[in-house]
């Protein structure tokens, strides 16, 4: 049957000569894999730009129960980003976000609250006043909340982790930063030294790996750490 939904593109892989298999986190149907034919063909009719990471789409899709690969009947761009595709730091953060999301959810996983948060996060990232140096930290903390394993208090990010990388002299500023991020999210104005921001990023990713039982390293981590200056 045909269903209307919104969707955020996470990733795509080539399939045969002109097609792709794209993973899209949809608001009403959850995470789905779609086979899209002909989008890699050359010419004005190509629609490959619709399937770039974190593109927000209005979709009409075929929803068949127990089908591995689904099909898309219609796909329209809901929001054209002004900065993410053309600004290297924002593009890198967007790719980091897709990697975090892809490793946090599974096929058919559906969570409208998470979808709305992700959609709003991308809108903030595209804004000219986004504070990029703290954006990955704010995203990881809020995303964990919607996935259900974020502590209510800042201390929980330290106490509930097997790893304790911070020295006693660092802990007060780390806890202050975590509290500020919990309260202000992407609008956090805390001043944090570069090395400590990177250390906190590594710690939060370890925290994710522990809760998601996925210890492999994030591929985009090296780039994100360089951006957090």
Protein backbone atom coordinates (compact mmCIF):
# COMPACT_ATOMS: atom_id res chain seq x y z
CA UNK A 1 0.00 0.00 0.00
CA UNK A 2 1.06 3.61 -0.56
CA UNK A 3 1.97 5.71 2.49
CA UNK A 4 2.90 9.37 2.88
CA UNK A 5 5.69 10.20 5.30
CA UNK A 6 8.66 12.45 5.92
CA UNK A 7 12.12 11.00 5.75
CA UNK A 8 15.74 11.85 6.59
CA UNK A 9 18.32 10.27 4.31
CA UNK A 10 21.08 8.47 6.23
CA UNK A 11 23.19 6.74 3.59
CA UNK A 12 23.19 5.20 0.15
CA UNK A 13 25.19 2.62 -1.79
CA UNK A 14 25.45 2.01 -5.50
CA UNK A 15 23.36 -0.75 -7.01
CA UNK A 16 24.09 -1.88 -10.56
CA UNK A 17 24.81 0.86 -13.11
CA UNK A 18 22.34 3.64 -12.34
CA UNK A 19 20.53 2.68 -9.13
CA UNK A 20 21.10 3.05 -5.41
CA UNK A 21 19.93 1.43 -2.20
CA UNK A 22 19.21 4.22 0.27
CA UNK A 23 18.54 4.05 4.00
CA UNK A 24 15.95 6.59 5.13
CA UNK A 25 14.71 7.19 8.66
CA UNK A 26 11.02 7.97 8.14
CA UNK A 27 8.79 9.62 10.71
CA UNK A 28 5.82 7.24 10.54
CA UNK A 29 7.40 4.02 9.26
CA UNK A 30 10.80 4.00 10.91
CA UNK A 31 14.14 3.10 9.35
CA UNK A 32 13.67 1.62 5.88
CA UNK A 33 15.84 0.58 2.94
CA UNK A 34 14.64 1.64 -0.50
CA UNK A 35 15.74 0.63 -3.98
CA UNK A 36 15.77 3.69 -6.23
CA UNK A 37 16.28 3.03 -9.93
CA UNK A 38 17.84 5.37 -12.47
CA UNK A 39 18.99 8.15 -10.14
CA UNK A 40 22.67 7.87 -11.08
CA UNK A 41 22.05 8.43 -14.76
CA UNK A 42 23.64 11.53 -16.29
CA UNK A 43 21.56 14.44 -17.48
CA UNK A 44 19.06 16.95 -16.15
CA UNK A 45 16.66 14.24 -15.01
CA UNK A 46 19.02 12.82 -12.38
CA UNK A 47 17.67 12.99 -8.82
CA UNK A 48 20.77 11.79 -6.99
CA UNK A 49 20.94 15.11 -5.08
CA UNK A 50 17.79 14.13 -3.21
CA UNK A 51 19.61 11.28 -1.51
CA UNK A 52 22.52 13.09 0.10
CA UNK A 53 23.00 12.52 3.87
CA UNK A 54 20.44 14.25 6.12
CA UNK A 55 18.33 15.53 3.23
CA UNK A 56 14.77 15.97 4.46
CA UNK A 57 12.19 14.57 2.02
CA UNK A 58 8.45 14.39 1.59
CA UNK A 59 7.82 10.82 0.45
CA UNK A 60 5.14 8.61 -0.98
CA UNK A 61 6.36 5.04 -0.55
CA UNK A 62 5.20 1.50 -1.06
CA UNK A 63 4.97 -0.15 2.35
CA UNK A 64 4.91 -3.93 2.02
CA UNK A 65 4.99 -6.03 5.17
CA UNK A 66 8.05 -8.31 5.51
CA UNK A 67 9.68 -6.85 2.39
CA UNK A 68 13.41 -6.24 2.73
CA UNK A 69 13.78 -3.54 0.08
CA UNK A 70 10.92 -1.11 -0.39
CA UNK A 71 10.19 1.24 -3.30
CA UNK A 72 9.63 5.00 -3.46
CA UNK A 73 6.73 6.30 -5.54
CA UNK A 74 7.45 10.03 -5.05
CA UNK A 75 10.26 11.98 -3.39
CA UNK A 76 10.28 15.75 -3.02
CA UNK A 77 12.74 18.02 -1.27
CA UNK A 78 11.09 19.44 1.84
CA UNK A 79 13.85 21.83 2.86
CA UNK A 80 16.78 23.15 0.84
CA UNK A 81 19.82 23.66 3.05
CA UNK A 82 21.71 26.91 2.59
CA UNK A 83 25.03 26.05 4.26
CA UNK A 84 25.42 22.33 5.02
CA UNK A 85 26.25 21.21 1.44
CA UNK A 86 28.71 24.06 0.85
CA UNK A 87 30.49 24.45 4.20
CA UNK A 88 33.07 21.78 5.06
CA UNK A 89 32.66 21.90 8.88
CA UNK A 90 28.88 21.63 8.60
CA UNK A 91 29.11 18.86 6.01
CA UNK A 92 31.48 16.94 8.29
CA UNK A 93 29.18 17.32 11.30
CA UNK A 94 26.23 16.16 9.18
CA UNK A 95 28.15 13.02 8.18
CA UNK A 96 29.06 12.45 11.83
CA UNK A 97 25.39 12.74 12.78
CA UNK A 98 24.36 10.18 10.15
CA UNK A 99 27.00 7.75 11.43
CA UNK A 100 25.79 8.14 15.02
CA UNK A 101 22.15 7.67 13.99
CA UNK A 102 22.89 4.70 11.74
CA UNK A 103 24.72 2.93 14.56
CA UNK A 104 22.00 3.76 17.10
CA UNK A 105 18.88 2.44 15.36
CA UNK A 106 17.94 -0.68 13.44
CA UNK A 107 15.74 -1.58 10.48
CA UNK A 108 12.07 -0.70 11.10
CA UNK A 109 12.94 1.21 14.31
CA UNK A 110 10.31 3.95 14.64
CA UNK A 111 10.44 6.93 16.98
CA UNK A 112 8.59 10.11 16.00
CA UNK A 113 10.16 12.10 18.83
CA UNK A 114 13.65 11.15 17.65
CA UNK A 115 12.76 12.01 14.06
CA UNK A 116 11.49 15.47 15.05
CA UNK A 117 14.62 16.10 17.12
CA UNK A 118 16.89 15.09 14.23
CA UNK A 119 14.98 17.29 11.80
CA UNK A 120 15.27 20.27 14.15
CA UNK A 121 18.97 19.54 14.76
CA UNK A 122 19.76 19.71 11.06
CA UNK A 123 17.89 23.01 10.80
CA UNK A 124 20.01 24.41 13.64
CA UNK A 125 23.20 23.14 11.99
CA UNK A 126 22.27 24.96 8.77
CA UNK A 127 21.79 28.26 10.62
CA UNK A 128 24.53 30.87 10.37
CA UNK A 129 24.76 31.28 14.16
CA UNK A 130 25.21 27.59 15.01
CA UNK A 131 28.09 27.11 17.44
CA UNK A 132 29.91 24.34 15.62
CA UNK A 133 32.59 23.70 18.25
CA UNK A 134 30.01 22.43 20.75
CA UNK A 135 27.45 21.10 18.27
CA UNK A 136 28.65 17.44 18.28
CA UNK A 137 28.56 17.35 22.09
CA UNK A 138 25.06 18.84 22.28
CA UNK A 139 23.87 16.44 19.60
CA UNK A 140 25.22 13.34 21.36
CA UNK A 141 23.65 14.32 24.69
CA UNK A 142 20.20 15.14 23.26
CA UNK A 143 20.22 12.16 20.91
CA UNK A 144 20.90 9.82 23.85
CA UNK A 145 17.87 11.29 25.59
CA UNK A 146 15.56 10.35 22.72
CA UNK A 147 17.16 6.90 22.49
CA UNK A 148 16.44 6.35 26.16
CA UNK A 149 19.85 6.03 27.80
CA UNK A 150 20.75 9.61 28.73
CA UNK A 151 21.20 10.18 32.49
CA UNK A 152 18.98 12.84 34.02
CA UNK A 153 21.92 14.52 35.75
CA UNK A 154 25.32 15.51 34.38
CA UNK A 155 27.12 13.31 36.90
CA UNK A 156 25.52 10.25 35.32
CA UNK A 157 27.61 10.60 32.18
CA UNK A 158 30.64 10.02 34.38
CA UNK A 159 29.32 7.59 36.99
CA UNK A 160 27.48 5.34 34.51
CA UNK A 161 30.52 4.81 32.30
CA UNK A 162 33.22 2.17 32.65
CA UNK A 163 35.82 4.69 31.49
CA UNK A 164 36.96 7.53 33.73
CA UNK A 165 39.33 9.62 31.58
CA UNK A 166 39.15 12.90 33.49
CA UNK A 167 41.53 13.98 36.20
CA UNK A 168 40.31 15.49 39.45
CA UNK A 169 41.31 18.95 38.27
CA UNK A 170 39.24 18.50 35.08
CA UNK A 171 36.03 17.15 36.61
CA UNK A 172 34.52 20.48 37.81
CA UNK A 173 34.72 22.02 34.33
CA UNK A 174 33.53 18.78 32.68
CA UNK A 175 30.47 18.63 34.94
CA UNK A 176 29.78 22.34 34.43
CA UNK A 177 29.91 21.80 30.65
CA UNK A 178 27.64 18.75 30.78
CA UNK A 179 25.11 20.63 32.91
CA UNK A 180 25.15 23.58 30.49
CA UNK A 181 24.67 21.26 27.51
CA UNK A 182 21.78 19.47 29.23
CA UNK A 183 20.09 22.80 29.93
CA UNK A 184 20.86 24.78 26.78
CA UNK A 185 21.54 22.12 24.13
CA UNK A 186 22.69 23.70 20.84
CA UNK A 187 22.47 27.18 22.36
CA UNK A 188 25.08 26.38 25.02
CA UNK A 189 27.63 29.18 25.45
CA UNK A 190 30.04 27.38 27.80
CA UNK A 191 33.71 28.13 27.24
CA UNK A 192 35.68 24.90 27.13
CA UNK A 193 39.36 24.43 26.18
CA UNK A 194 39.90 22.57 22.92
CA UNK A 195 41.65 19.57 24.47
CA UNK A 196 38.89 19.10 27.03
CA UNK A 197 36.18 19.35 24.34
CA UNK A 198 37.91 16.60 22.39
CA UNK A 199 38.31 14.50 25.52
CA UNK A 200 34.62 14.92 26.34
CA UNK A 201 33.69 13.98 22.77
CA UNK A 202 35.72 10.76 23.05
CA UNK A 203 34.10 10.01 26.40
CA UNK A 204 30.56 10.50 25.09
CA UNK A 205 31.28 8.20 22.14
CA UNK A 206 32.61 5.57 24.57
CA UNK A 207 29.40 6.08 26.55
CA UNK A 208 27.41 5.37 23.36
CA UNK A 209 29.45 2.28 22.57
CA UNK A 210 28.81 0.89 26.05
CA UNK A 211 25.06 1.40 25.84
CA UNK A 212 24.69 0.30 22.24
CA UNK A 213 27.10 -2.63 22.60
CA UNK A 214 29.00 -1.47 19.52
CA UNK A 215 32.68 -0.95 20.36
CA UNK A 216 34.01 -0.20 16.85
CA UNK A 217 35.42 3.30 16.33
CA UNK A 218 33.46 5.99 14.53
CA UNK A 219 34.92 6.60 11.05
CA UNK A 220 34.20 10.33 11.14
CA UNK A 221 35.78 10.87 14.58
CA UNK A 222 39.17 12.12 13.34
CA UNK A 223 37.61 14.90 11.26
CA UNK A 224 35.21 15.94 14.01
CA UNK A 225 38.02 16.16 16.56
CA UNK A 226 39.93 18.50 14.23
CA UNK A 227 36.87 20.73 13.87
CA UNK A 228 36.47 21.13 17.62
CA UNK A 229 39.01 23.91 17.92
